[in-house]
Amino acid sequence: MSCSPGSLVPDGRHRCLTAITVSCGRGEDRRRALFPFPSHGALAFHRNTECPWSNDLPFIVGDVQACAVYAPLHASKRVLGELLTPQEAAALVVAHLPDNCGPV
């Protein structure tokens, strides 16, 4: 998937990471059940769709060339993966979802 001019945010940086990671999750029911929340160059996943956000799941930071996956703030190991493709990052998020993870 390539970025199009329509995927630019006002500051001019490409932000089609969201489209790539959400689209590659179409076959992954565990991640599809979550609410994707793009903000400030990160793609977080939440169990709920309104404040206060759950903030207890891994999240992705990066762009279409390289991504990092971070654990939630309370986790002892914060960096789960670096220099990943968006698809690899999305798979790593799924691999680190807790059991019975889904909407609340």
PDB file of N, CA and C in Angstrom:
ATOM      1  N   MET A   1       0.850  -1.168   0.000  1.00  0.00           N
ATOM      2  CA  MET A   1       0.000   0.000   0.000  1.00  0.00           C
ATOM      3  C   MET A   1       0.893   1.227   0.000  1.00  0.00           C
ATOM      4  N   SER A   2       0.534   2.225  -0.767  1.00  0.00           N
ATOM      5  CA  SER A   2       1.333   3.442  -0.803  1.00  0.00           C
ATOM      6  C   SER A   2       0.537   4.605  -0.258  1.00  0.00           C
ATOM      7  N   CYS A   3       1.253   5.624   0.181  1.00  0.00           N
ATOM      8  CA  CYS A   3       0.601   6.817   0.702  1.00  0.00           C
ATOM      9  C   CYS A   3       0.163   7.696  -0.452  1.00  0.00           C
ATOM     10  N   SER A   4      -0.972   8.297  -0.316  1.00  0.00           N
ATOM     11  CA  SER A   4      -1.453   9.230  -1.324  1.00  0.00           C
ATOM     12  C   SER A   4      -1.411  10.638  -0.745  1.00  0.00           C
ATOM     13  N   PRO A   5      -1.500  11.679  -1.585  1.00  0.00           N
ATOM     14  CA  PRO A   5      -1.514  13.042  -1.069  1.00  0.00           C
ATOM     15  C   PRO A   5      -2.631  13.265  -0.051  1.00  0.00           C
ATOM     16  N   GLY A   6      -3.703  12.520  -0.152  1.00  0.00           N
ATOM     17  CA  GLY A   6      -4.794  12.659   0.810  1.00  0.00           C
ATOM     18  C   GLY A   6      -4.460  12.125   2.190  1.00  0.00           C
ATOM     19  N   SER A   7      -3.332  11.436   2.318  1.00  0.00           N
ATOM     20  CA  SER A   7      -2.957  10.886   3.619  1.00  0.00           C
ATOM     21  C   SER A   7      -2.012  11.810   4.368  1.00  0.00           C
ATOM     22  N   LEU A   8      -1.893  13.039   3.932  1.00  0.00           N
ATOM     23  CA  LEU A   8      -1.038  13.998   4.620  1.00  0.00           C
ATOM     24  C   LEU A   8      -1.831  14.737   5.682  1.00  0.00           C
ATOM     25  N   VAL A   9      -1.235  14.935   6.822  1.00  0.00           N
ATOM     26  CA  VAL A   9      -1.856  15.764   7.855  1.00  0.00           C
ATOM     27  C   VAL A   9      -1.374  17.191   7.647  1.00  0.00           C
ATOM     28  N   PRO A  10      -1.987  18.187   8.305  1.00  0.00           N
ATOM     29  CA  PRO A  10      -1.626  19.577   8.045  1.00  0.00           C
ATOM     30  C   PRO A  10      -0.141  19.902   8.176  1.00  0.00           C
ATOM     31  N   ASP A  11       0.602  19.182   9.015  1.00  0.00           N
ATOM     32  CA  ASP A  11       2.022  19.501   9.161  1.00  0.00           C
ATOM     33  C   ASP A  11       2.872  18.882   8.052  1.00  0.00           C
ATOM     34  N   GLY A  12       2.255  18.171   7.113  1.00  0.00           N
ATOM     35  CA  GLY A  12       2.950  17.655   5.948  1.00  0.00           C
ATOM     36  C   GLY A  12       3.558  16.277   6.119  1.00  0.00           C
ATOM     37  N   ARG A  13       3.471  15.669   7.287  1.00  0.00           N
ATOM     38  CA  ARG A  13       4.036  14.332   7.481  1.00  0.00           C
ATOM     39  C   ARG A  13       3.045  13.274   7.020  1.00  0.00           C
ATOM     40  N   HIS A  14       3.563  12.206   6.425  1.00  0.00           N
ATOM     41  CA  HIS A  14       2.681  11.108   6.009  1.00  0.00           C
ATOM     42  C   HIS A  14       2.129  10.410   7.239  1.00  0.00           C
ATOM     43  N   ARG A  15       0.843  10.139   7.193  1.00  0.00           N
ATOM     44  CA  ARG A  15       0.208   9.414   8.292  1.00  0.00           C
ATOM     45  C   ARG A  15      -0.724   8.336   7.764  1.00  0.00           C
ATOM     46  N   CYS A  16      -0.234   7.539   6.816  1.00  0.00           N
ATOM     47  CA  CYS A  16      -1.085   6.443   6.350  1.00  0.00           C
ATOM     48  C   CYS A  16      -0.811   5.179   7.160  1.00  0.00           C
ATOM     49  N   LEU A  17      -0.028   5.279   8.224  1.00  0.00           N
ATOM     50  CA  LEU A  17       0.186   4.155   9.131  1.00  0.00           C
ATOM     51  C   LEU A  17      -1.141   3.602   9.620  1.00  0.00           C
ATOM     52  N   THR A  18      -2.057   4.479   9.959  1.00  0.00           N
ATOM     53  CA  THR A  18      -3.354   4.038  10.455  1.00  0.00           C
ATOM     54  C   THR A  18      -4.057   3.169   9.428  1.00  0.00           C
ATOM     55  N   ALA A  19      -4.121   3.629   8.192  1.00  0.00           N
ATOM     56  CA  ALA A  19      -4.807   2.867   7.150  1.00  0.00           C
ATOM     57  C   ALA A  19      -4.142   1.514   6.926  1.00  0.00           C
ATOM     58  N   ILE A  20      -2.827   1.485   6.943  1.00  0.00           N
ATOM     59  CA  ILE A  20      -2.109   0.236   6.714  1.00  0.00           C
ATOM     60  C   ILE A  20      -2.349  -0.750   7.853  1.00  0.00           C
ATOM     61  N   THR A  21      -2.189  -0.307   9.081  1.00  0.00           N
ATOM     62  CA  THR A  21      -2.315  -1.248  10.192  1.00  0.00           C
ATOM     63  C   THR A  21      -3.744  -1.700  10.396  1.00  0.00           C
ATOM     64  N   VAL A  22      -4.707  -0.824  10.179  1.00  0.00           N
ATOM     65  CA  VAL A  22      -6.100  -1.241  10.315  1.00  0.00           C
ATOM     66  C   VAL A  22      -6.470  -2.190   9.189  1.00  0.00           C
ATOM     67  N   SER A  23      -6.028  -1.897   7.970  1.00  0.00           N
ATOM     68  CA  SER A  23      -6.387  -2.766   6.847  1.00  0.00           C
ATOM     69  C   SER A  23      -5.744  -4.143   6.976  1.00  0.00           C
ATOM     70  N   CYS A  24      -4.539  -4.222   7.510  1.00  0.00           N
ATOM     71  CA  CYS A  24      -3.920  -5.545   7.618  1.00  0.00           C
ATOM     72  C   CYS A  24      -4.496  -6.321   8.791  1.00  0.00           C
ATOM     73  N   GLY A  25      -5.339  -5.704   9.590  1.00  0.00           N
ATOM     74  CA  GLY A  25      -6.003  -6.405  10.676  1.00  0.00           C
ATOM     75  C   GLY A  25      -7.366  -6.939  10.311  1.00  0.00           C
ATOM     76  N   ARG A  26      -7.746  -6.820   9.053  1.00  0.00           N
ATOM     77  CA  ARG A  26      -9.078  -7.273   8.654  1.00  0.00           C
ATOM     78  C   ARG A  26      -9.313  -8.743   8.961  1.00  0.00           C
ATOM     79  N   GLY A  27      -8.281  -9.543   8.925  1.00  0.00           N
ATOM     80  CA  GLY A  27      -8.441 -10.958   9.210  1.00  0.00           C
ATOM     81  C   GLY A  27      -8.183 -11.306  10.668  1.00  0.00           C
ATOM     82  N   GLU A  28      -7.904 -10.317  11.489  1.00  0.00           N
ATOM     83  CA  GLU A  28      -7.561 -10.553  12.893  1.00  0.00           C
ATOM     84  C   GLU A  28      -8.700 -10.064  13.782  1.00  0.00           C
ATOM     85  N   ASP A  29      -9.555 -10.994  14.216  1.00  0.00           N
ATOM     86  CA  ASP A  29     -10.732 -10.627  14.998  1.00  0.00           C
ATOM     87  C   ASP A  29     -10.390  -9.958  16.323  1.00  0.00           C
ATOM     88  N   ARG A  30      -9.292 -10.366  16.955  1.00  0.00           N
ATOM     89  CA  ARG A  30      -8.951  -9.789  18.263  1.00  0.00           C
ATOM     90  C   ARG A  30      -8.670  -8.297  18.155  1.00  0.00           C
ATOM     91  N   ARG A  31      -7.983  -7.877  17.091  1.00  0.00           N
ATOM     92  CA  ARG A  31      -7.697  -6.448  16.953  1.00  0.00           C
ATOM     93  C   ARG A  31      -8.883  -5.703  16.366  1.00  0.00           C
ATOM     94  N   ARG A  32      -9.649  -6.354  15.510  1.00  0.00           N
ATOM     95  CA  ARG A  32     -10.822  -5.692  14.929  1.00  0.00           C
ATOM     96  C   ARG A  32     -11.846  -5.326  15.985  1.00  0.00           C
ATOM     97  N   ALA A  33     -11.866  -6.024  17.109  1.00  0.00           N
ATOM     98  CA  ALA A  33     -12.821  -5.734  18.179  1.00  0.00           C
ATOM     99  C   ALA A  33     -12.439  -4.487  18.967  1.00  0.00           C
ATOM    100  N   LEU A  34     -11.255  -3.939  18.715  1.00  0.00           N
ATOM    101  CA  LEU A  34     -10.773  -2.784  19.467  1.00  0.00           C
ATOM    102  C   LEU A  34     -10.980  -1.490  18.686  1.00  0.00           C
ATOM    103  N   PHE A  35     -10.955  -0.370  19.393  1.00  0.00           N
ATOM    104  CA  PHE A  35     -11.122   0.939  18.786  1.00  0.00           C
ATOM    105  C   PHE A  35      -9.746   1.518  18.455  1.00  0.00           C
ATOM    106  N   PRO A  36      -9.401   1.662  17.151  1.00  0.00           N
ATOM    107  CA  PRO A  36      -8.107   2.255  16.785  1.00  0.00           C
ATOM    108  C   PRO A  36      -8.174   3.767  16.969  1.00  0.00           C
ATOM    109  N   PHE A  37      -7.146   4.338  17.595  1.00  0.00           N
ATOM    110  CA  PHE A  37      -7.147   5.765  17.905  1.00  0.00           C
ATOM    111  C   PHE A  37      -5.821   6.387  17.477  1.00  0.00           C
ATOM    112  N   PRO A  38      -5.784   6.990  16.272  1.00  0.00           N
ATOM    113  CA  PRO A  38      -4.548   7.639  15.824  1.00  0.00           C
ATOM    114  C   PRO A  38      -4.409   9.021  16.450  1.00  0.00           C
ATOM    115  N   SER A  39      -3.229   9.334  16.959  1.00  0.00           N
ATOM    116  CA  SER A  39      -2.988  10.647  17.549  1.00  0.00           C
ATOM    117  C   SER A  39      -1.493  10.892  17.662  1.00  0.00           C
ATOM    118  N   HIS A  40      -1.036  12.037  17.184  1.00  0.00           N
ATOM    119  CA  HIS A  40       0.349  12.478  17.333  1.00  0.00           C
ATOM    120  C   HIS A  40       1.363  11.436  16.864  1.00  0.00           C
ATOM    121  N   GLY A  41       1.122  10.829  15.727  1.00  0.00           N
ATOM    122  CA  GLY A  41       2.067   9.873  15.164  1.00  0.00           C
ATOM    123  C   GLY A  41       2.022   8.501  15.798  1.00  0.00           C
ATOM    124  N   ALA A  42       1.035   8.256  16.652  1.00  0.00           N
ATOM    125  CA  ALA A  42       0.892   6.949  17.291  1.00  0.00           C
ATOM    126  C   ALA A  42      -0.467   6.359  16.928  1.00  0.00           C
ATOM    127  N   LEU A  43      -0.539   5.052  16.965  1.00  0.00           N
ATOM    128  CA  LEU A  43      -1.805   4.359  16.768  1.00  0.00           C
ATOM    129  C   LEU A  43      -2.049   3.503  18.001  1.00  0.00           C
ATOM    130  N   ALA A  44      -2.964   3.979  18.829  1.00  0.00           N
ATOM    131  CA  ALA A  44      -3.323   3.250  20.048  1.00  0.00           C
ATOM    132  C   ALA A  44      -4.574   2.422  19.779  1.00  0.00           C
ATOM    133  N   PHE A  45      -4.769   1.413  20.587  1.00  0.00           N
ATOM    134  CA  PHE A  45      -5.975   0.588  20.523  1.00  0.00           C
ATOM    135  C   PHE A  45      -6.613   0.623  21.899  1.00  0.00           C
ATOM    136  N   HIS A  46      -7.924   0.858  21.918  1.00  0.00           N
ATOM    137  CA  HIS A  46      -8.647   0.948  23.190  1.00  0.00           C
ATOM    138  C   HIS A  46      -9.806  -0.034  23.189  1.00  0.00           C
ATOM    139  N   ARG A  47     -10.212  -0.424  24.383  1.00  0.00           N
ATOM    140  CA  ARG A  47     -11.346  -1.320  24.553  1.00  0.00           C
ATOM    141  C   ARG A  47     -12.673  -0.568  24.492  1.00  0.00           C
ATOM    142  N   ASN A  48     -12.614   0.741  24.654  1.00  0.00           N
ATOM    143  CA  ASN A  48     -13.831   1.549  24.674  1.00  0.00           C
ATOM    144  C   ASN A  48     -13.745   2.659  23.634  1.00  0.00           C
ATOM    145  N   THR A  49     -14.865   3.319  23.356  1.00  0.00           N
ATOM    146  CA  THR A  49     -14.911   4.329  22.308  1.00  0.00           C
ATOM    147  C   THR A  49     -15.098   5.749  22.833  1.00  0.00           C
ATOM    148  N   GLU A  50     -14.978   5.955  24.120  1.00  0.00           N
ATOM    149  CA  GLU A  50     -15.087   7.301  24.668  1.00  0.00           C
ATOM    150  C   GLU A  50     -14.241   7.418  25.929  1.00  0.00           C
ATOM    151  N   CYS A  51     -13.983   8.646  26.336  1.00  0.00           N
ATOM    152  CA  CYS A  51     -13.172   8.897  27.534  1.00  0.00           C
ATOM    153  C   CYS A  51     -13.875   8.354  28.763  1.00  0.00           C
ATOM    154  N   PRO A  52     -13.123   7.887  29.736  1.00  0.00           N
ATOM    155  CA  PRO A  52     -11.665   7.750  29.726  1.00  0.00           C
ATOM    156  C   PRO A  52     -11.249   6.519  28.923  1.00  0.00           C
ATOM    157  N   TRP A  53     -10.164   6.672  28.138  1.00  0.00           N
ATOM    158  CA  TRP A  53      -9.656   5.585  27.314  1.00  0.00           C
ATOM    159  C   TRP A  53      -9.080   4.484  28.185  1.00  0.00           C
ATOM    160  N   SER A  54      -9.089   3.273  27.682  1.00  0.00           N
ATOM    161  CA  SER A  54      -8.589   2.145  28.471  1.00  0.00           C
ATOM    162  C   SER A  54      -7.074   2.234  28.698  1.00  0.00           C
ATOM    163  N   ASN A  55      -6.287   2.654  27.689  1.00  0.00           N
ATOM    164  CA  ASN A  55      -4.832   2.825  27.820  1.00  0.00           C
ATOM    165  C   ASN A  55      -4.109   1.638  28.443  1.00  0.00           C
ATOM    166  N   ASP A  56      -4.592   0.439  28.211  1.00  0.00           N
ATOM    167  CA  ASP A  56      -3.950  -0.740  28.796  1.00  0.00           C
ATOM    168  C   ASP A  56      -3.485  -1.748  27.743  1.00  0.00           C
ATOM    169  N   LEU A  57      -3.360  -1.274  26.497  1.00  0.00           N
ATOM    170  CA  LEU A  57      -2.968  -2.162  25.408  1.00  0.00           C
ATOM    171  C   LEU A  57      -1.724  -1.624  24.706  1.00  0.00           C
ATOM    172  N   PRO A  58      -0.992  -2.486  23.999  1.00  0.00           N
ATOM    173  CA  PRO A  58       0.180  -2.018  23.247  1.00  0.00           C
ATOM    174  C   PRO A  58      -0.228  -0.991  22.187  1.00  0.00           C
ATOM    175  N   PHE A  59       0.729  -0.147  21.789  1.00  0.00           N
ATOM    176  CA  PHE A  59       0.450   0.841  20.756  1.00  0.00           C
ATOM    177  C   PHE A  59       1.642   0.971  19.821  1.00  0.00           C
ATOM    178  N   ILE A  60       1.376   1.536  18.635  1.00  0.00           N
ATOM    179  CA  ILE A  60       2.364   1.650  17.563  1.00  0.00           C
ATOM    180  C   ILE A  60       2.737   3.113  17.364  1.00  0.00           C
ATOM    181  N   VAL A  61       4.034   3.371  17.175  1.00  0.00           N
ATOM    182  CA  VAL A  61       4.522   4.701  16.829  1.00  0.00           C
ATOM    183  C   VAL A  61       5.392   4.548  15.593  1.00  0.00           C
ATOM    184  N   GLY A  62       5.217   5.431  14.624  1.00  0.00           N
ATOM    185  CA  GLY A  62       6.068   5.352  13.438  1.00  0.00           C
ATOM    186  C   GLY A  62       5.392   5.846  12.194  1.00  0.00           C
ATOM    187  N   ASP A  63       5.893   5.386  11.064  1.00  0.00           N
ATOM    188  CA  ASP A  63       5.344   5.759   9.774  1.00  0.00           C
ATOM    189  C   ASP A  63       5.350   4.529   8.878  1.00  0.00           C
ATOM    190  N   VAL A  64       5.181   4.733   7.578  1.00  0.00           N
ATOM    191  CA  VAL A  64       5.066   3.586   6.672  1.00  0.00           C
ATOM    192  C   VAL A  64       6.379   2.863   6.443  1.00  0.00           C
ATOM    193  N   GLN A  65       7.495   3.435   6.874  1.00  0.00           N
ATOM    194  CA  GLN A  65       8.788   2.794   6.671  1.00  0.00           C
ATOM    195  C   GLN A  65       9.294   2.051   7.903  1.00  0.00           C
ATOM    196  N   ALA A  66       9.065   2.580   9.082  1.00  0.00           N
ATOM    197  CA  ALA A  66       9.556   1.935  10.302  1.00  0.00           C
ATOM    198  C   ALA A  66       8.644   2.268  11.472  1.00  0.00           C
ATOM    199  N   CYS A  67       8.317   1.253  12.231  1.00  0.00           N
ATOM    200  CA  CYS A  67       7.430   1.398  13.387  1.00  0.00           C
ATOM    201  C   CYS A  67       8.079   0.783  14.619  1.00  0.00           C
ATOM    202  N   ALA A  68       7.634   1.256  15.755  1.00  0.00           N
ATOM    203  CA  ALA A  68       7.991   0.647  17.034  1.00  0.00           C
ATOM    204  C   ALA A  68       6.693   0.318  17.761  1.00  0.00           C
ATOM    205  N   VAL A  69       6.719  -0.737  18.543  1.00  0.00           N
ATOM    206  CA  VAL A  69       5.560  -1.126  19.338  1.00  0.00           C
ATOM    207  C   VAL A  69       5.952  -0.995  20.803  1.00  0.00           C
ATOM    208  N   TYR A  70       5.094  -0.311  21.555  1.00  0.00           N
ATOM    209  CA  TYR A  70       5.330  -0.087  22.980  1.00  0.00           C
ATOM    210  C   TYR A  70       4.237  -0.734  23.801  1.00  0.00           C
ATOM    211  N   ALA A  71       4.619  -1.214  24.971  1.00  0.00           N
ATOM    212  CA  ALA A  71       3.667  -1.758  25.929  1.00  0.00           C
ATOM    213  C   ALA A  71       3.006  -0.594  26.672  1.00  0.00           C
ATOM    214  N   PRO A  72       1.888  -0.846  27.348  1.00  0.00           N
ATOM    215  CA  PRO A  72       1.265   0.211  28.148  1.00  0.00           C
ATOM    216  C   PRO A  72       2.228   0.739  29.218  1.00  0.00           C
ATOM    217  N   LEU A  73       1.939   1.915  29.739  1.00  0.00           N
ATOM    218  CA  LEU A  73       2.831   2.573  30.700  1.00  0.00           C
ATOM    219  C   LEU A  73       3.171   1.729  31.919  1.00  0.00           C
ATOM    220  N   HIS A  74       2.250   0.924  32.398  1.00  0.00           N
ATOM    221  CA  HIS A  74       2.484   0.155  33.627  1.00  0.00           C
ATOM    222  C   HIS A  74       3.352  -1.097  33.410  1.00  0.00           C
ATOM    223  N   ALA A  75       3.665  -1.420  32.180  1.00  0.00           N
ATOM    224  CA  ALA A  75       4.437  -2.640  31.885  1.00  0.00           C
ATOM    225  C   ALA A  75       5.908  -2.458  32.232  1.00  0.00           C
ATOM    226  N   SER A  76       6.541  -3.532  32.668  1.00  0.00           N
ATOM    227  CA  SER A  76       7.963  -3.451  33.028  1.00  0.00           C
ATOM    228  C   SER A  76       8.854  -3.343  31.789  1.00  0.00           C
ATOM    229  N   LYS A  77       8.499  -4.039  30.715  1.00  0.00           N
ATOM    230  CA  LYS A  77       9.254  -3.939  29.460  1.00  0.00           C
ATOM    231  C   LYS A  77       8.449  -3.043  28.524  1.00  0.00           C
ATOM    232  N   ARG A  78       8.940  -1.837  28.267  1.00  0.00           N
ATOM    233  CA  ARG A  78       8.170  -0.860  27.473  1.00  0.00           C
ATOM    234  C   ARG A  78       8.292  -1.083  25.972  1.00  0.00           C
ATOM    235  N   VAL A  79       9.485  -1.336  25.453  1.00  0.00           N
ATOM    236  CA  VAL A  79       9.673  -1.485  24.009  1.00  0.00           C
ATOM    237  C   VAL A  79       9.499  -2.958  23.649  1.00  0.00           C
ATOM    238  N   LEU A  80       8.489  -3.236  22.831  1.00  0.00           N
ATOM    239  CA  LEU A  80       8.226  -4.613  22.422  1.00  0.00           C
ATOM    240  C   LEU A  80       8.877  -4.939  21.084  1.00  0.00           C
ATOM    241  N   GLY A  81       9.103  -3.921  20.249  1.00  0.00           N
ATOM    242  CA  GLY A  81       9.729  -4.132  18.956  1.00  0.00           C
ATOM    243  C   GLY A  81      10.051  -2.812  18.296  1.00  0.00           C
ATOM    244  N   GLU A  82      11.148  -2.795  17.514  1.00  0.00           N
ATOM    245  CA  GLU A  82      11.576  -1.581  16.823  1.00  0.00           C
ATOM    246  C   GLU A  82      11.917  -1.909  15.375  1.00  0.00           C
ATOM    247  N   LEU A  83      11.943  -0.889  14.535  1.00  0.00           N
ATOM    248  CA  LEU A  83      12.296  -1.016  13.122  1.00  0.00           C
ATOM    249  C   LEU A  83      11.458  -2.078  12.420  1.00  0.00           C
ATOM    250  N   LEU A  84      10.163  -2.053  12.668  1.00  0.00           N
ATOM    251  CA  LEU A  84       9.226  -3.012  12.092  1.00  0.00           C
ATOM    252  C   LEU A  84       8.460  -2.382  10.940  1.00  0.00           C
ATOM    253  N   THR A  85       7.998  -3.202  10.021  1.00  0.00           N
ATOM    254  CA  THR A  85       7.057  -2.712   9.021  1.00  0.00           C
ATOM    255  C   THR A  85       5.714  -2.510   9.728  1.00  0.00           C
ATOM    256  N   PRO A  86       4.813  -1.734   9.156  1.00  0.00           N
ATOM    257  CA  PRO A  86       3.494  -1.595   9.780  1.00  0.00           C
ATOM    258  C   PRO A  86       2.787  -2.932   9.989  1.00  0.00           C
ATOM    259  N   GLN A  87       2.911  -3.844   9.041  1.00  0.00           N
ATOM    260  CA  GLN A  87       2.284  -5.159   9.184  1.00  0.00           C
ATOM    261  C   GLN A  87       2.905  -5.952  10.332  1.00  0.00           C
ATOM    262  N   GLU A  88       4.221  -5.905  10.468  1.00  0.00           N
ATOM    263  CA  GLU A  88       4.890  -6.581  11.581  1.00  0.00           C
ATOM    264  C   GLU A  88       4.483  -5.964  12.909  1.00  0.00           C
ATOM    265  N   ALA A  89       4.363  -4.644  12.931  1.00  0.00           N
ATOM    266  CA  ALA A  89       3.953  -3.954  14.151  1.00  0.00           C
ATOM    267  C   ALA A  89       2.539  -4.356  14.551  1.00  0.00           C
ATOM    268  N   ALA A  90       1.647  -4.421  13.572  1.00  0.00           N
ATOM    269  CA  ALA A  90       0.268  -4.827  13.852  1.00  0.00           C
ATOM    270  C   ALA A  90       0.222  -6.247  14.402  1.00  0.00           C
ATOM    271  N   ALA A  91       1.008  -7.148  13.839  1.00  0.00           N
ATOM    272  CA  ALA A  91       1.059  -8.537  14.325  1.00  0.00           C
ATOM    273  C   ALA A  91       1.617  -8.598  15.743  1.00  0.00           C
ATOM    274  N   LEU A  92       2.591  -7.742  16.045  1.00  0.00           N
ATOM    275  CA  LEU A  92       3.164  -7.728  17.388  1.00  0.00           C
ATOM    276  C   LEU A  92       2.164  -7.213  18.417  1.00  0.00           C
ATOM    277  N   VAL A  93       1.356  -6.237  18.023  1.00  0.00           N
ATOM    278  CA  VAL A  93       0.291  -5.765  18.917  1.00  0.00           C
ATOM    279  C   VAL A  93      -0.633  -6.923  19.261  1.00  0.00           C
ATOM    280  N   VAL A  94      -1.074  -7.651  18.249  1.00  0.00           N
ATOM    281  CA  VAL A  94      -1.978  -8.780  18.473  1.00  0.00           C
ATOM    282  C   VAL A  94      -1.327  -9.823  19.374  1.00  0.00           C
ATOM    283  N   ALA A  95      -0.045 -10.097  19.162  1.00  0.00           N
ATOM    284  CA  ALA A  95       0.651 -11.108  19.967  1.00  0.00           C
ATOM    285  C   ALA A  95       0.731 -10.704  21.433  1.00  0.00           C
ATOM    286  N   HIS A  96       0.647  -9.408  21.734  1.00  0.00           N
ATOM    287  CA  HIS A  96       0.753  -8.932  23.114  1.00  0.00           C
ATOM    288  C   HIS A  96      -0.571  -8.486  23.705  1.00  0.00           C
ATOM    289  N   LEU A  97      -1.685  -8.798  23.038  1.00  0.00           N
ATOM    290  CA  LEU A  97      -2.981  -8.489  23.638  1.00  0.00           C
ATOM    291  C   LEU A  97      -3.258  -9.475  24.769  1.00  0.00           C
ATOM    292  N   PRO A  98      -3.847  -8.989  25.850  1.00  0.00           N
ATOM    293  CA  PRO A  98      -4.175  -9.898  26.944  1.00  0.00           C
ATOM    294  C   PRO A  98      -5.293 -10.873  26.528  1.00  0.00           C
ATOM    295  N   ASP A  99      -5.391 -11.979  27.237  1.00  0.00           N
ATOM    296  CA  ASP A  99      -6.475 -12.931  26.986  1.00  0.00           C
ATOM    297  C   ASP A  99      -7.819 -12.241  27.225  1.00  0.00           C
ATOM    298  N   ASN A 100      -8.806 -12.692  26.489  1.00  0.00           N
ATOM    299  CA  ASN A 100     -10.165 -12.154  26.601  1.00  0.00           C
ATOM    300  C   ASN A 100     -10.208 -10.648  26.396  1.00  0.00           C
ATOM    301  N   CYS A 101      -9.332 -10.133  25.528  1.00  0.00           N
ATOM    302  CA  CYS A 101      -9.287  -8.714  25.244  1.00  0.00           C
ATOM    303  C   CYS A 101     -10.414  -8.366  24.283  1.00  0.00           C
ATOM    304  N   GLY A 102     -11.180  -7.385  24.640  1.00  0.00           N
ATOM    305  CA  GLY A 102     -12.266  -6.958  23.780  1.00  0.00           C
ATOM    306  C   GLY A 102     -12.938  -5.728  24.351  1.00  0.00           C
ATOM    307  N   PRO A 103     -13.972  -5.271  23.683  1.00  0.00           N
ATOM    308  CA  PRO A 103     -14.642  -4.050  24.126  1.00  0.00           C
ATOM    309  C   PRO A 103     -15.230  -4.191  25.533  1.00  0.00           C
ATOM    310  N   VAL A 104     -15.257  -3.055  26.218  1.00  0.00           N
ATOM    311  CA  VAL A 104     -15.888  -3.016  27.545  1.00  0.00           C
ATOM    312  C   VAL A 104     -17.145  -2.195  27.482  1.00  0.00           C
TER     313      VAL A 104
END
